[in-house]
Amino acid sequence: MEDGLRSIPTSHVATAQPIRLPPPFTLVRLRESGDAFAHACRIAPESGAGTLVYVGRFDLAEFAVVLEPAEPLITARRAFYAGMVALTDAPRACAPLAKEVAVGWPDAVRVDRGLIGGGRLGWPASADEDEPPDWLVFGAMIRTVMMTDDPGLRPLASALDAEGFGEAGAAEVTESFARHLMRAIDSWQVDGFDSVARDYLSRIPRERQTVRRIDDRGNLLTRRIGRDTTAQADLVQALATPSWLDPDLGGPRR
């Protein structure tokens, strides 16, 4: 994943709540009604790697980052796992003791089994599987505030405030994600993709007598110890419809 983020000077955007990103990133900020993922996919061909689109919402951290992988699309989609490692590390940095931030393969993020958000991946529709894509976009949402008077009405959903994450708002989550994404990509470059895969798989709730790995195309392979058969879950198929996203709400499912 060489040159996963091309070095671009950080832009300085005057906002009521400043977003402080590491130097490889350029900030693009949208109004609350914007769609970070869709906008990042539209501007990716011109904006280039490291562009991070952010939507400032009270109840939700919503952002998307442009990547420029140097490997064929068929293997480059594994960048999704680097994004998910960073997305789970972001709230983990301020998690209360004993709170588990976990992944539901491939794209959902949960705290103590309550859904708080997830990630998604976009690429050019015309991209050739055997050629490096012009761009990838990793998009994410993390629910920071549960907008309901009675959380008991939504037992399968949660938010950072409901789980005791203190002052972790949208800006803090986004800043933390950017830092952790740099670490994940650096780990990939230095130690190979297996280091990212191990980090990602460690966030999936463990099942007894089960071995998991991620293949070169990003598919999840699962084998029961003592059995010869291996089950394969297809990454491209799974990414087609984000499991955590409610299109009517424009945010994580409730």
C-alpha atoms as a PDB file:
ATOM      1  CA  MET A   1       0.000   0.000   0.000  1.00  0.00           C
ATOM      2  CA  GLU A   2       2.811   2.369  -0.879  1.00  0.00           C
ATOM      3  CA  ASP A   3       1.871   6.007  -1.272  1.00  0.00           C
ATOM      4  CA  GLY A   4      -1.470   5.306   0.395  1.00  0.00           C
ATOM      5  CA  LEU A   5      -1.702   8.963   1.357  1.00  0.00           C
ATOM      6  CA  ARG A   6       0.048  11.492  -0.837  1.00  0.00           C
ATOM      7  CA  SER A   7       1.429  14.438   1.170  1.00  0.00           C
ATOM      8  CA  ILE A   8      -0.849  17.450   0.779  1.00  0.00           C
ATOM      9  CA  PRO A   9      -0.624  20.696   2.785  1.00  0.00           C
ATOM     10  CA  THR A  10      -3.309  20.989   5.426  1.00  0.00           C
ATOM     11  CA  SER A  11      -5.935  23.596   4.685  1.00  0.00           C
ATOM     12  CA  HIS A  12      -7.020  26.045   7.350  1.00  0.00           C
ATOM     13  CA  VAL A  13     -10.780  26.307   7.525  1.00  0.00           C
ATOM     14  CA  ALA A  14     -12.347  28.911   9.785  1.00  0.00           C
ATOM     15  CA  THR A  15     -15.100  27.150  11.761  1.00  0.00           C
ATOM     16  CA  ALA A  16     -16.743  27.480  15.136  1.00  0.00           C
ATOM     17  CA  GLN A  17     -15.276  24.102  16.066  1.00  0.00           C
ATOM     18  CA  PRO A  18     -11.837  23.702  14.451  1.00  0.00           C
ATOM     19  CA  ILE A  19     -10.722  20.300  13.190  1.00  0.00           C
ATOM     20  CA  ARG A  20      -7.009  19.690  13.726  1.00  0.00           C
ATOM     21  CA  LEU A  21      -5.749  17.100  11.257  1.00  0.00           C
ATOM     22  CA  PRO A  22      -2.209  15.758  10.768  1.00  0.00           C
ATOM     23  CA  PRO A  23      -0.240  17.306   7.864  1.00  0.00           C
ATOM     24  CA  PRO A  24      -1.070  14.670   5.192  1.00  0.00           C
ATOM     25  CA  PHE A  25      -4.764  15.646   5.300  1.00  0.00           C
ATOM     26  CA  THR A  26      -6.699  18.460   3.665  1.00  0.00           C
ATOM     27  CA  LEU A  27     -10.006  19.366   5.302  1.00  0.00           C
ATOM     28  CA  VAL A  28     -13.183  19.976   3.323  1.00  0.00           C
ATOM     29  CA  ARG A  29     -16.105  20.922   5.532  1.00  0.00           C
ATOM     30  CA  LEU A  30     -19.763  20.606   4.508  1.00  0.00           C
ATOM     31  CA  ARG A  31     -22.924  21.986   6.020  1.00  0.00           C
ATOM     32  CA  GLU A  32     -25.001  19.762   8.280  1.00  0.00           C
ATOM     33  CA  SER A  33     -27.225  18.625   5.410  1.00  0.00           C
ATOM     34  CA  GLY A  34     -24.230  17.431   3.357  1.00  0.00           C
ATOM     35  CA  ASP A  35     -23.225  13.853   2.566  1.00  0.00           C
ATOM     36  CA  ALA A  36     -19.522  13.363   3.271  1.00  0.00           C
ATOM     37  CA  PHE A  37     -19.193  10.031   1.461  1.00  0.00           C
ATOM     38  CA  ALA A  38     -21.000  11.119  -1.709  1.00  0.00           C
ATOM     39  CA  HIS A  39     -19.132  14.425  -1.801  1.00  0.00           C
ATOM     40  CA  ALA A  40     -15.738  12.753  -1.332  1.00  0.00           C
ATOM     41  CA  CYS A  41     -16.493  10.351  -4.195  1.00  0.00           C
ATOM     42  CA  ARG A  42     -17.429  13.299  -6.441  1.00  0.00           C
ATOM     43  CA  ILE A  43     -14.318  15.352  -5.746  1.00  0.00           C
ATOM     44  CA  ALA A  44     -11.824  12.469  -5.407  1.00  0.00           C
ATOM     45  CA  PRO A  45     -10.535  12.640  -9.018  1.00  0.00           C
ATOM     46  CA  GLU A  46      -9.476  16.272  -8.579  1.00  0.00           C
ATOM     47  CA  SER A  47      -8.838  16.593  -4.842  1.00  0.00           C
ATOM     48  CA  GLY A  48      -6.457  13.672  -4.458  1.00  0.00           C
ATOM     49  CA  ALA A  49      -5.259  11.535  -1.568  1.00  0.00           C
ATOM     50  CA  GLY A  50      -5.572  12.835   1.957  1.00  0.00           C
ATOM     51  CA  THR A  51      -8.685  14.933   1.319  1.00  0.00           C
ATOM     52  CA  LEU A  52     -10.983  14.481   4.314  1.00  0.00           C
ATOM     53  CA  VAL A  53     -14.580  15.612   3.963  1.00  0.00           C
ATOM     54  CA  TYR A  54     -16.299  16.396   7.269  1.00  0.00           C
ATOM     55  CA  VAL A  55     -19.924  17.147   8.092  1.00  0.00           C
ATOM     56  CA  GLY A  56     -20.419  18.952  11.376  1.00  0.00           C
ATOM     57  CA  ARG A  57     -23.454  17.427  13.089  1.00  0.00           C
ATOM     58  CA  PHE A  58     -24.415  17.549  16.746  1.00  0.00           C
ATOM     59  CA  ASP A  59     -25.358  13.888  17.004  1.00  0.00           C
ATOM     60  CA  LEU A  60     -22.994  12.277  14.538  1.00  0.00           C
ATOM     61  CA  ALA A  61     -19.347  12.207  13.461  1.00  0.00           C
ATOM     62  CA  GLU A  62     -19.552  11.916   9.673  1.00  0.00           C
ATOM     63  CA  PHE A  63     -16.486  12.011   7.443  1.00  0.00           C
ATOM     64  CA  ALA A  64     -14.844  10.445   4.393  1.00  0.00           C
ATOM     65  CA  VAL A  65     -11.224  10.310   3.266  1.00  0.00           C
ATOM     66  CA  VAL A  66      -9.741   9.920  -0.221  1.00  0.00           C
ATOM     67  CA  LEU A  67      -6.978   7.335  -0.752  1.00  0.00           C
ATOM     68  CA  GLU A  68      -4.821   6.633  -3.786  1.00  0.00           C
ATOM     69  CA  PRO A  69      -3.611   3.010  -3.625  1.00  0.00           C
ATOM     70  CA  ALA A  70      -0.675   1.846  -5.721  1.00  0.00           C
ATOM     71  CA  GLU A  71      -1.943  -1.707  -6.192  1.00  0.00           C
ATOM     72  CA  PRO A  72      -4.714  -3.267  -8.313  1.00  0.00           C
ATOM     73  CA  LEU A  73      -8.287  -2.705  -7.183  1.00  0.00           C
ATOM     74  CA  ILE A  74      -8.777  -6.415  -6.530  1.00  0.00           C
ATOM     75  CA  THR A  75      -6.322  -6.207  -3.601  1.00  0.00           C
ATOM     76  CA  ALA A  76      -6.489  -2.459  -2.885  1.00  0.00           C
ATOM     77  CA  ARG A  77      -9.953  -2.830  -1.344  1.00  0.00           C
ATOM     78  CA  ARG A  78      -8.178  -4.217   1.692  1.00  0.00           C
ATOM     79  CA  ALA A  79      -7.628  -0.553   2.588  1.00  0.00           C
ATOM     80  CA  PHE A  80     -11.141  -0.826   3.996  1.00  0.00           C
ATOM     81  CA  TYR A  81      -9.726  -2.829   6.894  1.00  0.00           C
ATOM     82  CA  ALA A  82      -7.153  -0.129   7.666  1.00  0.00           C
ATOM     83  CA  GLY A  83     -10.031   2.339   7.784  1.00  0.00           C
ATOM     84  CA  MET A  84     -12.015   0.117  10.130  1.00  0.00           C
ATOM     85  CA  VAL A  85      -9.030  -0.325  12.452  1.00  0.00           C
ATOM     86  CA  ALA A  86      -8.715   3.460  12.645  1.00  0.00           C
ATOM     87  CA  LEU A  87     -12.476   3.877  13.069  1.00  0.00           C
ATOM     88  CA  THR A  88     -12.563   1.564  16.086  1.00  0.00           C
ATOM     89  CA  ASP A  89      -9.340   2.965  17.540  1.00  0.00           C
ATOM     90  CA  ALA A  90     -10.801   6.486  17.493  1.00  0.00           C
ATOM     91  CA  PRO A  91     -13.463   5.900  20.191  1.00  0.00           C
ATOM     92  CA  ARG A  92     -11.264   3.351  21.962  1.00  0.00           C
ATOM     93  CA  ALA A  93      -8.868   6.179  22.826  1.00  0.00           C
ATOM     94  CA  CYS A  94     -11.466   7.663  25.182  1.00  0.00           C
ATOM     95  CA  ALA A  95     -13.461   4.544  26.094  1.00  0.00           C
ATOM     96  CA  PRO A  96     -14.386   3.962  29.740  1.00  0.00           C
ATOM     97  CA  LEU A  97     -12.847   0.931  31.391  1.00  0.00           C
ATOM     98  CA  ALA A  98     -14.510  -2.367  30.488  1.00  0.00           C
ATOM     99  CA  LYS A  99     -16.244  -0.897  27.416  1.00  0.00           C
ATOM    100  CA  GLU A 100     -15.685  -3.066  24.349  1.00  0.00           C
ATOM    101  CA  VAL A 101     -15.506  -1.345  20.966  1.00  0.00           C
ATOM    102  CA  ALA A 102     -16.006  -4.176  18.490  1.00  0.00           C
ATOM    103  CA  VAL A 103     -16.541  -4.826  14.779  1.00  0.00           C
ATOM    104  CA  GLY A 104     -19.352  -6.739  13.124  1.00  0.00           C
ATOM    105  CA  TRP A 105     -17.862  -8.018   9.872  1.00  0.00           C
ATOM    106  CA  PRO A 106     -17.192  -6.228   7.756  1.00  0.00           C
ATOM    107  CA  ASP A 107     -18.433  -2.735   8.424  1.00  0.00           C
ATOM    108  CA  ALA A 108     -20.369  -2.221  11.692  1.00  0.00           C
ATOM    109  CA  VAL A 109     -18.971  -0.672  14.888  1.00  0.00           C
ATOM    110  CA  ARG A 110     -20.558  -1.553  18.225  1.00  0.00           C
ATOM    111  CA  VAL A 111     -20.006  -0.691  21.874  1.00  0.00           C
ATOM    112  CA  ASP A 112     -21.103  -3.477  24.207  1.00  0.00           C
ATOM    113  CA  ARG A 113     -23.201  -4.843  21.305  1.00  0.00           C
ATOM    114  CA  GLY A 114     -24.985  -1.521  20.737  1.00  0.00           C
ATOM    115  CA  LEU A 115     -24.597  -0.240  17.156  1.00  0.00           C
ATOM    116  CA  ILE A 116     -22.908   3.172  17.026  1.00  0.00           C
ATOM    117  CA  GLY A 117     -21.942   3.375  13.342  1.00  0.00           C
ATOM    118  CA  GLY A 118     -19.708   1.912  10.703  1.00  0.00           C
ATOM    119  CA  GLY A 119     -17.591   2.339   7.598  1.00  0.00           C
ATOM    120  CA  ARG A 120     -18.030   2.001   3.846  1.00  0.00           C
ATOM    121  CA  LEU A 121     -15.844   2.011   0.754  1.00  0.00           C
ATOM    122  CA  GLY A 122     -16.244   3.588  -2.673  1.00  0.00           C
ATOM    123  CA  TRP A 123     -14.249   3.326  -5.909  1.00  0.00           C
ATOM    124  CA  PRO A 124     -14.734   4.432  -9.551  1.00  0.00           C
ATOM    125  CA  ALA A 125     -17.457   2.484 -11.324  1.00  0.00           C
ATOM    126  CA  SER A 126     -15.225   2.114 -14.382  1.00  0.00           C
ATOM    127  CA  ALA A 127     -12.185   0.858 -12.455  1.00  0.00           C
ATOM    128  CA  ASP A 128     -10.422  -2.260 -13.767  1.00  0.00           C
ATOM    129  CA  GLU A 129      -9.991  -4.975 -11.144  1.00  0.00           C
ATOM    130  CA  ASP A 130      -6.426  -5.604 -12.334  1.00  0.00           C
ATOM    131  CA  GLU A 131      -5.276  -1.958 -12.358  1.00  0.00           C
ATOM    132  CA  PRO A 132      -4.757   0.532  -9.519  1.00  0.00           C
ATOM    133  CA  PRO A 133      -7.935   2.612  -9.141  1.00  0.00           C
ATOM    134  CA  ASP A 134      -7.660   6.367  -9.511  1.00  0.00           C
ATOM    135  CA  TRP A 135      -9.051   6.643  -5.996  1.00  0.00           C
ATOM    136  CA  LEU A 136     -10.764   4.927  -3.100  1.00  0.00           C
ATOM    137  CA  VAL A 137     -12.988   6.641  -0.545  1.00  0.00           C
ATOM    138  CA  PHE A 138     -13.398   5.342   2.992  1.00  0.00           C
ATOM    139  CA  GLY A 139     -16.487   6.875   4.585  1.00  0.00           C
ATOM    140  CA  ALA A 140     -17.670   6.577   8.175  1.00  0.00           C
ATOM    141  CA  MET A 141     -20.287   7.610  10.695  1.00  0.00           C
ATOM    142  CA  ILE A 142     -20.154   7.306  14.485  1.00  0.00           C
ATOM    143  CA  ARG A 143     -23.211   8.241  16.549  1.00  0.00           C
ATOM    144  CA  THR A 144     -22.087  10.579  19.322  1.00  0.00           C
ATOM    145  CA  VAL A 145     -25.491  11.434  20.834  1.00  0.00           C
ATOM    146  CA  MET A 146     -28.611   9.259  21.015  1.00  0.00           C
ATOM    147  CA  MET A 147     -31.479  11.469  19.919  1.00  0.00           C
ATOM    148  CA  THR A 148     -34.251   9.766  21.890  1.00  0.00           C
ATOM    149  CA  ASP A 149     -35.735  10.305  25.318  1.00  0.00           C
ATOM    150  CA  ASP A 150     -35.800   6.602  26.126  1.00  0.00           C
ATOM    151  CA  PRO A 151     -32.731   4.591  25.017  1.00  0.00           C
ATOM    152  CA  GLY A 152     -34.563   1.453  26.142  1.00  0.00           C
ATOM    153  CA  LEU A 153     -36.771   1.775  23.074  1.00  0.00           C
ATOM    154  CA  ARG A 154     -33.688   1.121  20.905  1.00  0.00           C
ATOM    155  CA  PRO A 155     -31.871  -1.755  22.671  1.00  0.00           C
ATOM    156  CA  LEU A 156     -29.738  -2.615  19.629  1.00  0.00           C
ATOM    157  CA  ALA A 157     -28.490   0.935  19.089  1.00  0.00           C
ATOM    158  CA  SER A 158     -26.255   3.164  21.157  1.00  0.00           C
ATOM    159  CA  ALA A 159     -24.108   6.295  21.067  1.00  0.00           C
ATOM    160  CA  LEU A 160     -20.886   7.498  22.645  1.00  0.00           C
ATOM    161  CA  ASP A 161     -22.674   9.718  25.160  1.00  0.00           C
ATOM    162  CA  ALA A 162     -24.953   6.856  26.251  1.00  0.00           C
ATOM    163  CA  GLU A 163     -21.905   4.650  26.823  1.00  0.00           C
ATOM    164  CA  GLY A 164     -20.053   7.153  29.005  1.00  0.00           C
ATOM    165  CA  PHE A 165     -17.440   8.365  26.506  1.00  0.00           C
ATOM    166  CA  GLY A 166     -17.368  11.808  28.092  1.00  0.00           C
ATOM    167  CA  GLU A 167     -16.750  14.764  25.794  1.00  0.00           C
ATOM    168  CA  ALA A 168     -15.958  12.688  22.693  1.00  0.00           C
ATOM    169  CA  GLY A 169     -17.777  14.685  20.030  1.00  0.00           C
ATOM    170  CA  ALA A 170     -17.665  14.656  16.236  1.00  0.00           C
ATOM    171  CA  ALA A 171     -14.503  16.759  15.965  1.00  0.00           C
ATOM    172  CA  GLU A 172     -12.582  14.655  18.477  1.00  0.00           C
ATOM    173  CA  VAL A 173     -13.592  11.381  16.810  1.00  0.00           C
ATOM    174  CA  THR A 174     -12.597  12.698  13.378  1.00  0.00           C
ATOM    175  CA  GLU A 175      -9.224  13.963  14.563  1.00  0.00           C
ATOM    176  CA  SER A 176      -8.502  10.682  16.320  1.00  0.00           C
ATOM    177  CA  PHE A 177      -9.520   8.692  13.245  1.00  0.00           C
ATOM    178  CA  ALA A 178      -7.079  10.623  11.064  1.00  0.00           C
ATOM    179  CA  ARG A 179      -4.179   9.940  13.422  1.00  0.00           C
ATOM    180  CA  HIS A 180      -5.000   6.249  13.727  1.00  0.00           C
ATOM    181  CA  LEU A 181      -5.441   5.875   9.964  1.00  0.00           C
ATOM    182  CA  MET A 182      -1.896   7.131   9.474  1.00  0.00           C
ATOM    183  CA  ARG A 183      -0.667   4.526  11.961  1.00  0.00           C
ATOM    184  CA  ALA A 184      -2.582   1.720  10.254  1.00  0.00           C
ATOM    185  CA  ILE A 185      -1.241   2.644   6.814  1.00  0.00           C
ATOM    186  CA  ASP A 186       2.286   2.957   8.193  1.00  0.00           C
ATOM    187  CA  SER A 187       1.948  -0.502   9.774  1.00  0.00           C
ATOM    188  CA  TRP A 188       0.832  -1.878   6.382  1.00  0.00           C
ATOM    189  CA  GLN A 189       3.796  -0.308   4.609  1.00  0.00           C
ATOM    190  CA  VAL A 190       6.340  -1.515   7.160  1.00  0.00           C
ATOM    191  CA  ASP A 191       5.022  -4.931   8.207  1.00  0.00           C
ATOM    192  CA  GLY A 192       2.665  -5.869   5.387  1.00  0.00           C
ATOM    193  CA  PHE A 193      -1.108  -6.223   5.276  1.00  0.00           C
ATOM    194  CA  ASP A 194      -1.085  -9.113   7.756  1.00  0.00           C
ATOM    195  CA  SER A 195      -0.425  -6.623  10.568  1.00  0.00           C
ATOM    196  CA  VAL A 196      -3.587  -4.700   9.655  1.00  0.00           C
ATOM    197  CA  ALA A 197      -5.565  -7.917   9.280  1.00  0.00           C
ATOM    198  CA  ARG A 198      -4.531  -9.084  12.758  1.00  0.00           C
ATOM    199  CA  ASP A 199      -5.586  -5.761  14.277  1.00  0.00           C
ATOM    200  CA  TYR A 200      -8.933  -5.882  12.499  1.00  0.00           C
ATOM    201  CA  LEU A 201      -9.694  -9.516  13.333  1.00  0.00           C
ATOM    202  CA  SER A 202      -8.893  -8.898  17.004  1.00  0.00           C
ATOM    203  CA  ARG A 203     -11.902  -6.556  17.112  1.00  0.00           C
ATOM    204  CA  ILE A 204     -14.420  -9.203  16.007  1.00  0.00           C
ATOM    205  CA  PRO A 205     -16.000 -10.993  19.000  1.00  0.00           C
ATOM    206  CA  ARG A 206     -14.247 -14.330  19.354  1.00  0.00           C
ATOM    207  CA  GLU A 207     -15.936 -17.652  18.669  1.00  0.00           C
ATOM    208  CA  ARG A 208     -14.617 -20.816  20.265  1.00  0.00           C
ATOM    209  CA  GLN A 209     -12.834 -23.316  18.022  1.00  0.00           C
ATOM    210  CA  THR A 210     -12.850 -20.851  15.120  1.00  0.00           C
ATOM    211  CA  VAL A 211      -9.955 -19.554  13.025  1.00  0.00           C
ATOM    212  CA  ARG A 212     -10.358 -16.467  10.827  1.00  0.00           C
ATOM    213  CA  ARG A 213      -8.165 -14.831   8.231  1.00  0.00           C
ATOM    214  CA  ILE A 214      -8.473 -12.311   5.420  1.00  0.00           C
ATOM    215  CA  ASP A 215      -7.320 -13.335   1.951  1.00  0.00           C
ATOM    216  CA  ASP A 216      -5.563 -11.249  -0.711  1.00  0.00           C
ATOM    217  CA  ARG A 217      -8.885  -9.984  -2.068  1.00  0.00           C
ATOM    218  CA  GLY A 218     -10.185  -8.930   1.348  1.00  0.00           C
ATOM    219  CA  ASN A 219     -12.587 -11.832   1.749  1.00  0.00           C
ATOM    220  CA  LEU A 220     -13.104 -13.271   5.217  1.00  0.00           C
ATOM    221  CA  LEU A 221     -12.208 -16.959   5.543  1.00  0.00           C
ATOM    222  CA  THR A 222     -13.569 -18.869   8.548  1.00  0.00           C
ATOM    223  CA  ARG A 223     -12.679 -22.417   9.532  1.00  0.00           C
ATOM    224  CA  ARG A 224     -13.818 -24.506  12.468  1.00  0.00           C
ATOM    225  CA  ILE A 225     -10.947 -26.309  14.157  1.00  0.00           C
ATOM    226  CA  GLY A 226     -11.141 -30.000  13.332  1.00  0.00           C
ATOM    227  CA  ARG A 227     -12.960 -29.438  10.030  1.00  0.00           C
ATOM    228  CA  ASP A 228     -11.520 -29.364   6.535  1.00  0.00           C
ATOM    229  CA  THR A 229     -14.006 -26.904   5.019  1.00  0.00           C
ATOM    230  CA  THR A 230     -13.511 -23.129   5.007  1.00  0.00           C
ATOM    231  CA  ALA A 231     -16.382 -20.664   4.675  1.00  0.00           C
ATOM    232  CA  GLN A 232     -15.768 -17.551   2.582  1.00  0.00           C
ATOM    233  CA  ALA A 233     -17.559 -14.212   3.031  1.00  0.00           C
ATOM    234  CA  ASP A 234     -17.153 -11.976  -0.036  1.00  0.00           C
ATOM    235  CA  LEU A 235     -16.009  -8.424   0.759  1.00  0.00           C
ATOM    236  CA  VAL A 236     -17.260  -6.767  -2.444  1.00  0.00           C
ATOM    237  CA  GLN A 237     -20.716  -8.258  -1.994  1.00  0.00           C
ATOM    238  CA  ALA A 238     -20.820  -7.191   1.665  1.00  0.00           C
ATOM    239  CA  LEU A 239     -19.743  -3.632   0.875  1.00  0.00           C
ATOM    240  CA  ALA A 240     -22.514  -3.201  -1.697  1.00  0.00           C
ATOM    241  CA  THR A 241     -25.060  -2.448   1.048  1.00  0.00           C
ATOM    242  CA  PRO A 242     -23.666  -1.124   4.355  1.00  0.00           C
ATOM    243  CA  SER A 243     -25.151  -3.270   7.114  1.00  0.00           C
ATOM    244  CA  TRP A 244     -25.225  -0.427   9.645  1.00  0.00           C
ATOM    245  CA  LEU A 245     -26.669   2.380   7.500  1.00  0.00           C
ATOM    246  CA  ASP A 246     -30.327   3.395   7.464  1.00  0.00           C
ATOM    247  CA  PRO A 247     -30.778   5.236   4.147  1.00  0.00           C
ATOM    248  CA  ASP A 248     -33.992   6.869   5.327  1.00  0.00           C
ATOM    249  CA  LEU A 249     -32.361   8.280   8.453  1.00  0.00           C
ATOM    250  CA  GLY A 250     -29.104   9.129   6.686  1.00  0.00           C
ATOM    251  CA  GLY A 251     -27.254   7.629   9.628  1.00  0.00           C
ATOM    252  CA  PRO A 252     -26.702   4.466  11.697  1.00  0.00           C
ATOM    253  CA  ARG A 253     -29.671   2.200  12.238  1.00  0.00           C
ATOM    254  CA  ARG A 254     -31.686   2.562  15.418  1.00  0.00           C
END
